[in-house]
Amino acid sequence: MIHYQQGDLLIRDMQSPDARAFTDAELAQGWHADIAKYEQRLADRDAGKCASLTAEYKGQPAGYVNVYFSAAQGPFAGAGIPELVDFGVLEKYRSRGIGSVLMDVAERIAAERADTLCLGVGLHSGYGSAQRLYARRGYVPDGSGAWYGDAPCAPYEKLYAVDDDLVLYLSKKLR
């Protein structure tokens, strides 16, 4: 299904070949990548748990996002609030508005089910672009502090690795 099309940009449902394309492209730019992540997103989509989207720029997979219809972990788990998971735009396609259009489509899909969309964003510098994008779009921290994995970080209790599992949860009212 096509969700958006204008000029060189197309937002459509993710397809199986996209899993290999994104994995290879992310490895080439030095990111940690595993095709199993994309295969799981496609399986979850096929099971009706989420919408998985691919942005094509000039016919090439350029970015992706998944909207899970109910958050499975973090402070919003079990509340029936959709969650944005695994949002990314490949580095060579950034600064073209692709991420903003992906977010527009994801928010529209989430708004069909709820009035709020949540997400967890990593705290290391690799997430800097996403952190700025979410702030510009009106996402605010939920107030539960930093989380590591599926648990809130305990103040002053221990050290946490600054890796992809250290996140801050944000939400936005959609309507």
N, C-alpha and C. Protein backbone atom coordinates (compact mmCIF):
# COMPACT_ATOMS: atom_id res chain seq x y z
N MET A 1 0.84 -1.18 0.00
CA MET A 1 0.00 0.00 0.00
C MET A 1 0.88 1.24 0.00
N ILE A 2 0.50 2.22 -0.78
CA ILE A 2 1.21 3.50 -0.82
C ILE A 2 0.49 4.47 0.12
N HIS A 3 1.26 5.07 1.02
CA HIS A 3 0.70 6.00 2.00
C HIS A 3 0.93 7.46 1.62
N TYR A 4 1.95 7.69 0.78
CA TYR A 4 2.32 9.06 0.40
C TYR A 4 3.15 8.98 -0.88
N GLN A 5 2.92 9.92 -1.78
CA GLN A 5 3.75 10.00 -2.98
C GLN A 5 3.75 11.43 -3.48
N GLN A 6 4.96 12.00 -3.58
CA GLN A 6 5.11 13.34 -4.12
C GLN A 6 6.55 13.48 -4.61
N GLY A 7 6.71 13.88 -5.84
CA GLY A 7 8.04 14.06 -6.41
C GLY A 7 8.84 12.76 -6.34
N ASP A 8 10.04 12.86 -5.78
CA ASP A 8 10.95 11.71 -5.70
C ASP A 8 10.70 10.83 -4.47
N LEU A 9 9.74 11.20 -3.63
CA LEU A 9 9.52 10.50 -2.36
C LEU A 9 8.23 9.68 -2.36
N LEU A 10 8.35 8.45 -1.93
CA LEU A 10 7.23 7.52 -1.82
C LEU A 10 7.30 6.86 -0.44
N ILE A 11 6.18 6.82 0.29
CA ILE A 11 6.09 6.08 1.55
C ILE A 11 5.12 4.94 1.30
N ARG A 12 5.59 3.72 1.52
CA ARG A 12 4.79 2.52 1.25
C ARG A 12 4.99 1.52 2.36
N ASP A 13 4.17 0.46 2.34
CA ASP A 13 4.37 -0.64 3.28
C ASP A 13 5.74 -1.28 3.01
N MET A 14 6.41 -1.66 4.09
CA MET A 14 7.70 -2.34 3.96
C MET A 14 7.49 -3.69 3.28
N GLN A 15 8.46 -4.08 2.47
CA GLN A 15 8.44 -5.37 1.78
C GLN A 15 9.66 -6.18 2.19
N SER A 16 9.59 -7.49 1.99
CA SER A 16 10.69 -8.38 2.41
C SER A 16 12.06 -7.96 1.87
N PRO A 17 12.21 -7.59 0.60
CA PRO A 17 13.55 -7.19 0.11
C PRO A 17 14.12 -5.96 0.83
N ASP A 18 13.26 -5.14 1.44
CA ASP A 18 13.75 -3.97 2.17
C ASP A 18 14.62 -4.37 3.36
N ALA A 19 14.33 -5.52 3.94
CA ALA A 19 15.11 -5.98 5.11
C ALA A 19 16.58 -6.09 4.76
N ARG A 20 16.90 -6.72 3.65
CA ARG A 20 18.30 -6.87 3.21
C ARG A 20 18.87 -5.51 2.80
N ALA A 21 18.09 -4.72 2.08
CA ALA A 21 18.58 -3.41 1.63
C ALA A 21 18.96 -2.52 2.81
N PHE A 22 18.11 -2.45 3.83
CA PHE A 22 18.41 -1.62 4.99
C PHE A 22 19.58 -2.18 5.80
N THR A 23 19.61 -3.49 5.98
CA THR A 23 20.71 -4.10 6.73
C THR A 23 22.04 -3.80 6.06
N ASP A 24 22.13 -4.03 4.76
CA ASP A 24 23.38 -3.79 4.04
C ASP A 24 23.78 -2.31 4.09
N ALA A 25 22.82 -1.42 3.90
CA ALA A 25 23.12 0.02 3.91
C ALA A 25 23.57 0.47 5.29
N GLU A 26 22.94 -0.03 6.34
CA GLU A 26 23.34 0.36 7.70
C GLU A 26 24.72 -0.16 8.05
N LEU A 27 25.02 -1.39 7.66
CA LEU A 27 26.37 -1.92 7.90
C LEU A 27 27.41 -1.09 7.15
N ALA A 28 27.10 -0.69 5.92
CA ALA A 28 28.03 0.11 5.12
C ALA A 28 28.30 1.48 5.75
N GLN A 29 27.34 2.03 6.50
CA GLN A 29 27.57 3.33 7.13
C GLN A 29 28.05 3.19 8.57
N GLY A 30 28.37 1.96 8.99
CA GLY A 30 28.97 1.75 10.31
C GLY A 30 28.00 1.56 11.44
N TRP A 31 26.72 1.37 11.16
CA TRP A 31 25.73 1.14 12.21
C TRP A 31 25.72 -0.34 12.58
N HIS A 32 25.24 -0.64 13.78
CA HIS A 32 24.96 -2.02 14.18
C HIS A 32 23.67 -2.41 13.45
N ALA A 33 23.72 -3.48 12.68
CA ALA A 33 22.54 -3.87 11.90
C ALA A 33 22.40 -5.38 11.90
N ASP A 34 21.17 -5.84 11.93
CA ASP A 34 20.86 -7.26 11.91
C ASP A 34 19.56 -7.45 11.14
N ILE A 35 19.59 -8.23 10.10
CA ILE A 35 18.40 -8.44 9.27
C ILE A 35 17.24 -9.02 10.09
N ALA A 36 17.55 -9.73 11.16
CA ALA A 36 16.50 -10.34 11.99
C ALA A 36 15.55 -9.28 12.55
N LYS A 37 16.06 -8.08 12.83
CA LYS A 37 15.21 -7.00 13.33
C LYS A 37 14.12 -6.66 12.31
N TYR A 38 14.49 -6.52 11.08
CA TYR A 38 13.53 -6.18 10.03
C TYR A 38 12.58 -7.34 9.75
N GLU A 39 13.12 -8.55 9.77
CA GLU A 39 12.26 -9.72 9.57
C GLU A 39 11.23 -9.83 10.68
N GLN A 40 11.61 -9.49 11.92
CA GLN A 40 10.66 -9.51 13.03
C GLN A 40 9.58 -8.44 12.85
N ARG A 41 9.99 -7.25 12.39
CA ARG A 41 9.00 -6.19 12.15
C ARG A 41 7.99 -6.62 11.09
N LEU A 42 8.47 -7.29 10.04
CA LEU A 42 7.57 -7.77 8.99
C LEU A 42 6.63 -8.86 9.52
N ALA A 43 7.16 -9.74 10.36
CA ALA A 43 6.32 -10.79 10.96
C ALA A 43 5.27 -10.17 11.88
N ASP A 44 5.67 -9.16 12.65
CA ASP A 44 4.72 -8.46 13.52
C ASP A 44 3.65 -7.75 12.70
N ARG A 45 4.06 -7.16 11.60
CA ARG A 45 3.09 -6.51 10.71
C ARG A 45 2.10 -7.53 10.16
N ASP A 46 2.63 -8.67 9.70
CA ASP A 46 1.76 -9.72 9.16
C ASP A 46 0.81 -10.27 10.22
N ALA A 47 1.21 -10.21 11.50
CA ALA A 47 0.37 -10.66 12.61
C ALA A 47 -0.62 -9.58 13.06
N GLY A 48 -0.57 -8.41 12.44
CA GLY A 48 -1.50 -7.34 12.77
C GLY A 48 -1.10 -6.51 13.97
N LYS A 49 0.17 -6.59 14.40
CA LYS A 49 0.63 -5.85 15.57
C LYS A 49 1.11 -4.44 15.25
N CYS A 50 1.47 -4.20 13.99
CA CYS A 50 2.07 -2.91 13.65
C CYS A 50 1.90 -2.60 12.17
N ALA A 51 2.22 -1.38 11.83
CA ALA A 51 2.40 -0.96 10.45
C ALA A 51 3.89 -0.73 10.26
N SER A 52 4.47 -1.29 9.21
CA SER A 52 5.88 -1.13 8.90
C SER A 52 6.00 -0.39 7.58
N LEU A 53 6.67 0.74 7.60
CA LEU A 53 6.73 1.61 6.44
C LEU A 53 8.15 1.78 5.92
N THR A 54 8.27 1.92 4.61
CA THR A 54 9.53 2.22 3.96
C THR A 54 9.37 3.52 3.17
N ALA A 55 10.38 4.38 3.28
CA ALA A 55 10.45 5.57 2.43
C ALA A 55 11.39 5.24 1.28
N GLU A 56 10.93 5.47 0.07
CA GLU A 56 11.77 5.34 -1.11
C GLU A 56 12.09 6.74 -1.61
N TYR A 57 13.36 6.97 -1.90
CA TYR A 57 13.77 8.23 -2.52
C TYR A 57 14.39 7.89 -3.86
N LYS A 58 13.81 8.40 -4.91
CA LYS A 58 14.26 8.10 -6.28
C LYS A 58 14.35 6.59 -6.50
N GLY A 59 13.36 5.86 -5.95
CA GLY A 59 13.28 4.42 -6.16
C GLY A 59 14.13 3.57 -5.25
N GLN A 60 14.88 4.18 -4.33
CA GLN A 60 15.76 3.43 -3.44
C GLN A 60 15.25 3.51 -2.01
N PRO A 61 15.28 2.39 -1.26
CA PRO A 61 14.90 2.45 0.16
C PRO A 61 15.80 3.43 0.90
N ALA A 62 15.20 4.41 1.56
CA ALA A 62 15.95 5.48 2.20
C ALA A 62 15.69 5.60 3.69
N GLY A 63 14.53 5.11 4.15
CA GLY A 63 14.19 5.24 5.56
C GLY A 63 13.05 4.31 5.91
N TYR A 64 12.80 4.19 7.21
CA TYR A 64 11.78 3.24 7.68
C TYR A 64 11.25 3.69 9.04
N VAL A 65 10.07 3.19 9.36
CA VAL A 65 9.48 3.40 10.67
C VAL A 65 8.42 2.33 10.88
N ASN A 66 8.19 1.99 12.13
CA ASN A 66 7.17 1.02 12.51
C ASN A 66 6.29 1.64 13.57
N VAL A 67 4.98 1.47 13.40
CA VAL A 67 4.01 1.96 14.39
C VAL A 67 3.36 0.73 14.99
N TYR A 68 3.74 0.43 16.23
CA TYR A 68 3.10 -0.67 16.95
C TYR A 68 1.81 -0.13 17.54
N PHE A 69 0.73 -0.90 17.42
CA PHE A 69 -0.58 -0.40 17.79
C PHE A 69 -0.79 -0.32 19.30
N SER A 70 0.05 -0.98 20.08
CA SER A 70 0.01 -0.86 21.53
C SER A 70 1.43 -1.07 22.07
N ALA A 71 1.91 -0.10 22.84
CA ALA A 71 3.27 -0.19 23.39
C ALA A 71 3.41 -1.46 24.23
N ALA A 72 4.51 -2.17 24.01
CA ALA A 72 4.73 -3.44 24.71
C ALA A 72 5.67 -3.30 25.89
N GLN A 73 6.42 -2.21 25.96
CA GLN A 73 7.34 -2.03 27.08
C GLN A 73 7.45 -0.56 27.41
N GLY A 74 8.15 -0.26 28.47
CA GLY A 74 8.30 1.13 28.90
C GLY A 74 7.10 1.62 29.68
N PRO A 75 7.06 2.90 29.97
CA PRO A 75 6.00 3.45 30.83
C PRO A 75 4.61 3.42 30.20
N PHE A 76 4.52 3.22 28.89
CA PHE A 76 3.22 3.21 28.22
C PHE A 76 2.71 1.79 27.96
N ALA A 77 3.45 0.77 28.38
CA ALA A 77 3.06 -0.62 28.13
C ALA A 77 1.68 -0.92 28.71
N GLY A 78 0.87 -1.58 27.91
CA GLY A 78 -0.45 -2.00 28.37
C GLY A 78 -1.50 -0.91 28.42
N ALA A 79 -1.16 0.30 27.98
CA ALA A 79 -2.10 1.42 28.06
C ALA A 79 -2.88 1.63 26.75
N GLY A 80 -2.61 0.78 25.76
CA GLY A 80 -3.30 0.92 24.49
C GLY A 80 -2.84 2.10 23.67
N ILE A 81 -1.65 2.60 23.95
CA ILE A 81 -1.10 3.74 23.23
C ILE A 81 -0.14 3.23 22.16
N PRO A 82 -0.32 3.65 20.91
CA PRO A 82 0.61 3.24 19.86
C PRO A 82 2.03 3.75 20.15
N GLU A 83 3.00 2.97 19.67
CA GLU A 83 4.41 3.30 19.91
C GLU A 83 5.17 3.29 18.59
N LEU A 84 5.95 4.33 18.38
CA LEU A 84 6.86 4.41 17.25
C LEU A 84 8.10 3.60 17.60
N VAL A 85 8.49 2.66 16.73
CA VAL A 85 9.63 1.79 16.99
C VAL A 85 10.53 1.75 15.75
N ASP A 86 11.82 1.83 15.96
CA ASP A 86 12.81 1.71 14.87
C ASP A 86 12.55 2.69 13.74
N PHE A 87 12.77 3.95 14.01
CA PHE A 87 12.67 5.00 13.01
C PHE A 87 14.07 5.33 12.55
N GLY A 88 14.29 5.38 11.26
CA GLY A 88 15.61 5.74 10.77
C GLY A 88 15.59 6.20 9.33
N VAL A 89 16.50 7.10 9.01
CA VAL A 89 16.75 7.53 7.64
C VAL A 89 18.24 7.32 7.40
N LEU A 90 18.56 6.61 6.33
CA LEU A 90 19.97 6.36 6.00
C LEU A 90 20.69 7.69 5.81
N GLU A 91 21.94 7.74 6.26
CA GLU A 91 22.68 9.00 6.29
C GLU A 91 22.73 9.73 4.94
N LYS A 92 22.91 9.00 3.85
CA LYS A 92 23.04 9.66 2.55
C LYS A 92 21.72 10.28 2.06
N TYR A 93 20.61 9.99 2.75
CA TYR A 93 19.32 10.54 2.36
C TYR A 93 18.80 11.59 3.34
N ARG A 94 19.59 11.95 4.33
CA ARG A 94 19.14 12.92 5.32
C ARG A 94 19.11 14.34 4.75
N SER A 95 18.41 15.22 5.46
CA SER A 95 18.26 16.63 5.10
C SER A 95 17.47 16.82 3.81
N ARG A 96 16.57 15.90 3.53
CA ARG A 96 15.68 16.00 2.37
C ARG A 96 14.21 15.99 2.79
N GLY A 97 13.95 15.99 4.12
CA GLY A 97 12.57 15.98 4.61
C GLY A 97 11.96 14.59 4.70
N ILE A 98 12.73 13.56 4.41
CA ILE A 98 12.22 12.19 4.41
C ILE A 98 11.73 11.79 5.80
N GLY A 99 12.51 12.09 6.83
CA GLY A 99 12.13 11.74 8.20
C GLY A 99 10.83 12.43 8.62
N SER A 100 10.67 13.68 8.24
CA SER A 100 9.45 14.41 8.59
C SER A 100 8.22 13.80 7.93
N VAL A 101 8.35 13.40 6.67
CA VAL A 101 7.21 12.80 5.98
C VAL A 101 6.91 11.42 6.57
N LEU A 102 7.95 10.64 6.88
CA LEU A 102 7.72 9.35 7.55
C LEU A 102 6.97 9.56 8.86
N MET A 103 7.36 10.58 9.63
CA MET A 103 6.69 10.87 10.90
C MET A 103 5.24 11.31 10.65
N ASP A 104 5.00 12.11 9.63
CA ASP A 104 3.62 12.53 9.31
C ASP A 104 2.74 11.31 9.07
N VAL A 105 3.23 10.37 8.26
CA VAL A 105 2.45 9.18 7.94
C VAL A 105 2.27 8.32 9.19
N ALA A 106 3.33 8.13 9.97
CA ALA A 106 3.24 7.33 11.20
C ALA A 106 2.23 7.93 12.18
N GLU A 107 2.27 9.24 12.34
CA GLU A 107 1.33 9.90 13.25
C GLU A 107 -0.10 9.77 12.75
N ARG A 108 -0.30 9.84 11.44
CA ARG A 108 -1.64 9.68 10.88
C ARG A 108 -2.16 8.26 11.15
N ILE A 109 -1.31 7.26 10.99
CA ILE A 109 -1.70 5.87 11.26
C ILE A 109 -2.04 5.70 12.73
N ALA A 110 -1.19 6.24 13.62
CA ALA A 110 -1.43 6.13 15.07
C ALA A 110 -2.72 6.84 15.46
N ALA A 111 -3.00 7.99 14.85
CA ALA A 111 -4.19 8.77 15.20
C ALA A 111 -5.49 8.05 14.85
N GLU A 112 -5.43 7.06 13.97
CA GLU A 112 -6.61 6.26 13.65
C GLU A 112 -7.00 5.37 14.83
N ARG A 113 -6.08 5.16 15.78
CA ARG A 113 -6.31 4.24 16.89
C ARG A 113 -6.34 4.91 18.25
N ALA A 114 -5.66 6.04 18.38
CA ALA A 114 -5.54 6.68 19.70
C ALA A 114 -5.23 8.16 19.53
N ASP A 115 -5.31 8.90 20.63
CA ASP A 115 -5.01 10.32 20.55
C ASP A 115 -3.59 10.66 20.97
N THR A 116 -2.79 9.63 21.28
CA THR A 116 -1.41 9.82 21.73
C THR A 116 -0.50 8.82 21.03
N LEU A 117 0.72 9.24 20.75
CA LEU A 117 1.76 8.36 20.21
C LEU A 117 2.98 8.49 21.11
N CYS A 118 3.56 7.35 21.46
CA CYS A 118 4.76 7.38 22.32
C CYS A 118 5.94 6.78 21.57
N LEU A 119 7.12 6.99 22.14
CA LEU A 119 8.35 6.43 21.58
C LEU A 119 9.44 6.49 22.62
N GLY A 120 10.46 5.67 22.43
CA GLY A 120 11.67 5.74 23.24
C GLY A 120 12.81 6.18 22.34
N VAL A 121 13.57 7.17 22.75
CA VAL A 121 14.69 7.64 21.95
C VAL A 121 15.99 7.41 22.72
N GLY A 122 16.98 6.92 22.00
CA GLY A 122 18.28 6.68 22.60
C GLY A 122 18.93 7.97 23.07
N LEU A 123 19.80 7.84 24.06
CA LEU A 123 20.41 9.02 24.67
C LEU A 123 21.82 9.32 24.18
N HIS A 124 22.43 8.43 23.38
CA HIS A 124 23.78 8.76 22.90
C HIS A 124 23.70 9.61 21.63
N SER A 125 24.82 10.16 21.22
CA SER A 125 24.87 11.13 20.13
C SER A 125 24.39 10.58 18.79
N GLY A 126 24.41 9.28 18.61
CA GLY A 126 23.90 8.69 17.38
C GLY A 126 22.43 8.95 17.17
N TYR A 127 21.73 9.31 18.24
CA TYR A 127 20.30 9.62 18.17
C TYR A 127 20.04 11.13 18.14
N GLY A 128 21.09 11.92 18.00
CA GLY A 128 20.95 13.37 18.04
C GLY A 128 19.95 13.92 17.04
N SER A 129 20.00 13.46 15.81
CA SER A 129 19.07 13.95 14.78
C SER A 129 17.63 13.61 15.16
N ALA A 130 17.42 12.40 15.64
CA ALA A 130 16.07 11.98 16.04
C ALA A 130 15.60 12.78 17.25
N GLN A 131 16.49 13.01 18.22
CA GLN A 131 16.11 13.79 19.40
C GLN A 131 15.62 15.18 18.99
N ARG A 132 16.35 15.83 18.08
CA ARG A 132 15.96 17.16 17.62
C ARG A 132 14.64 17.12 16.85
N LEU A 133 14.48 16.12 16.00
CA LEU A 133 13.25 15.99 15.22
C LEU A 133 12.05 15.83 16.14
N TYR A 134 12.17 14.94 17.14
CA TYR A 134 11.05 14.72 18.06
C TYR A 134 10.70 15.99 18.83
N ALA A 135 11.70 16.73 19.28
CA ALA A 135 11.44 17.97 20.01
C ALA A 135 10.73 18.98 19.11
N ARG A 136 11.19 19.12 17.87
CA ARG A 136 10.55 20.06 16.93
C ARG A 136 9.10 19.67 16.63
N ARG A 137 8.80 18.38 16.71
CA ARG A 137 7.45 17.90 16.40
C ARG A 137 6.54 17.90 17.62
N GLY A 138 7.05 18.31 18.78
CA GLY A 138 6.19 18.45 19.95
C GLY A 138 6.16 17.26 20.90
N TYR A 139 7.09 16.33 20.76
CA TYR A 139 7.16 15.20 21.70
C TYR A 139 7.81 15.67 23.00
N VAL A 140 7.25 15.24 24.12
CA VAL A 140 7.77 15.65 25.42
C VAL A 140 8.06 14.42 26.28
N PRO A 141 9.05 14.52 27.17
CA PRO A 141 9.33 13.40 28.07
C PRO A 141 8.13 13.08 28.94
N ASP A 142 7.96 11.81 29.25
CA ASP A 142 6.80 11.39 30.06
C ASP A 142 7.04 11.61 31.55
N GLY A 143 8.26 11.90 31.96
CA GLY A 143 8.55 12.17 33.37
C GLY A 143 9.07 10.98 34.15
N SER A 144 9.19 9.82 33.50
CA SER A 144 9.66 8.63 34.23
C SER A 144 11.18 8.50 34.23
N GLY A 145 11.88 9.45 33.60
CA GLY A 145 13.33 9.41 33.58
C GLY A 145 13.87 8.44 32.54
N ALA A 146 15.16 8.20 32.61
CA ALA A 146 15.82 7.29 31.67
C ALA A 146 15.46 5.84 32.00
N TRP A 147 15.39 5.04 30.95
CA TRP A 147 15.13 3.60 31.08
C TRP A 147 16.29 2.85 30.46
N TYR A 148 16.58 1.69 31.02
CA TYR A 148 17.57 0.80 30.41
C TYR A 148 16.88 -0.54 30.19
N GLY A 149 16.78 -0.93 28.93
CA GLY A 149 16.01 -2.14 28.63
C GLY A 149 14.56 -1.88 28.95
N ASP A 150 13.98 -2.72 29.77
CA ASP A 150 12.56 -2.56 30.10
C ASP A 150 12.35 -2.13 31.55
N ALA A 151 13.30 -1.38 32.09
CA ALA A 151 13.16 -0.93 33.48
C ALA A 151 13.68 0.50 33.63
N PRO A 152 13.03 1.28 34.47
CA PRO A 152 13.54 2.63 34.71
C PRO A 152 14.88 2.57 35.43
N CYS A 153 15.75 3.51 35.11
CA CYS A 153 17.06 3.58 35.77
C CYS A 153 16.86 4.11 37.19
N ALA A 154 17.47 3.44 38.12
CA ALA A 154 17.38 3.85 39.52
C ALA A 154 18.40 4.95 39.78
N PRO A 155 17.96 6.09 40.32
CA PRO A 155 18.89 7.17 40.60
C PRO A 155 19.99 6.73 41.57
N TYR A 156 21.21 7.05 41.23
CA TYR A 156 22.37 6.84 42.09
C TYR A 156 22.65 5.37 42.40
N GLU A 157 21.94 4.44 41.77
CA GLU A 157 22.07 3.05 42.15
C GLU A 157 23.18 2.31 41.43
N LYS A 158 23.31 2.51 40.11
CA LYS A 158 24.35 1.82 39.37
C LYS A 158 24.65 2.55 38.09
N LEU A 159 25.67 2.11 37.41
CA LEU A 159 26.05 2.70 36.13
C LEU A 159 25.33 1.96 35.00
N TYR A 160 24.99 2.68 33.96
CA TYR A 160 24.33 2.11 32.80
C TYR A 160 25.18 2.38 31.56
N ALA A 161 25.24 1.42 30.67
CA ALA A 161 25.96 1.61 29.42
C ALA A 161 25.22 2.63 28.56
N VAL A 162 25.94 3.50 27.92
CA VAL A 162 25.33 4.46 27.01
C VAL A 162 25.30 3.77 25.64
N ASP A 163 24.32 2.89 25.50
CA ASP A 163 24.15 2.14 24.26
C ASP A 163 22.70 2.29 23.79
N ASP A 164 22.28 1.48 22.83
CA ASP A 164 20.93 1.62 22.27
C ASP A 164 19.83 1.27 23.26
N ASP A 165 20.14 0.64 24.38
CA ASP A 165 19.14 0.27 25.37
C ASP A 165 18.86 1.35 26.40
N LEU A 166 19.64 2.42 26.40
CA LEU A 166 19.43 3.54 27.32
C LEU A 166 18.56 4.57 26.60
N VAL A 167 17.30 4.71 27.04
CA VAL A 167 16.35 5.56 26.32
C VAL A 167 15.57 6.48 27.26
N LEU A 168 14.99 7.49 26.65
CA LEU A 168 14.06 8.38 27.31
C LEU A 168 12.75 8.26 26.55
N TYR A 169 11.64 8.07 27.27
CA TYR A 169 10.33 7.93 26.63
C TYR A 169 9.67 9.29 26.48
N LEU A 170 9.10 9.49 25.31
CA LEU A 170 8.43 10.74 24.95
C LEU A 170 7.02 10.41 24.43
N SER A 171 6.15 11.39 24.47
CA SER A 171 4.82 11.19 23.88
C SER A 171 4.34 12.51 23.29
N LYS A 172 3.31 12.39 22.45
CA LYS A 172 2.71 13.55 21.81
C LYS A 172 1.22 13.31 21.67
N LYS A 173 0.43 14.32 21.99
CA LYS A 173 -1.01 14.28 21.72
C LYS A 173 -1.19 14.51 20.23
N LEU A 174 -1.95 13.64 19.60
CA LEU A 174 -2.14 13.73 18.16
C LEU A 174 -3.37 14.51 17.76
N ARG A 175 -4.36 14.55 18.66
CA ARG A 175 -5.59 15.29 18.36
C ARG A 175 -6.18 15.86 19.63
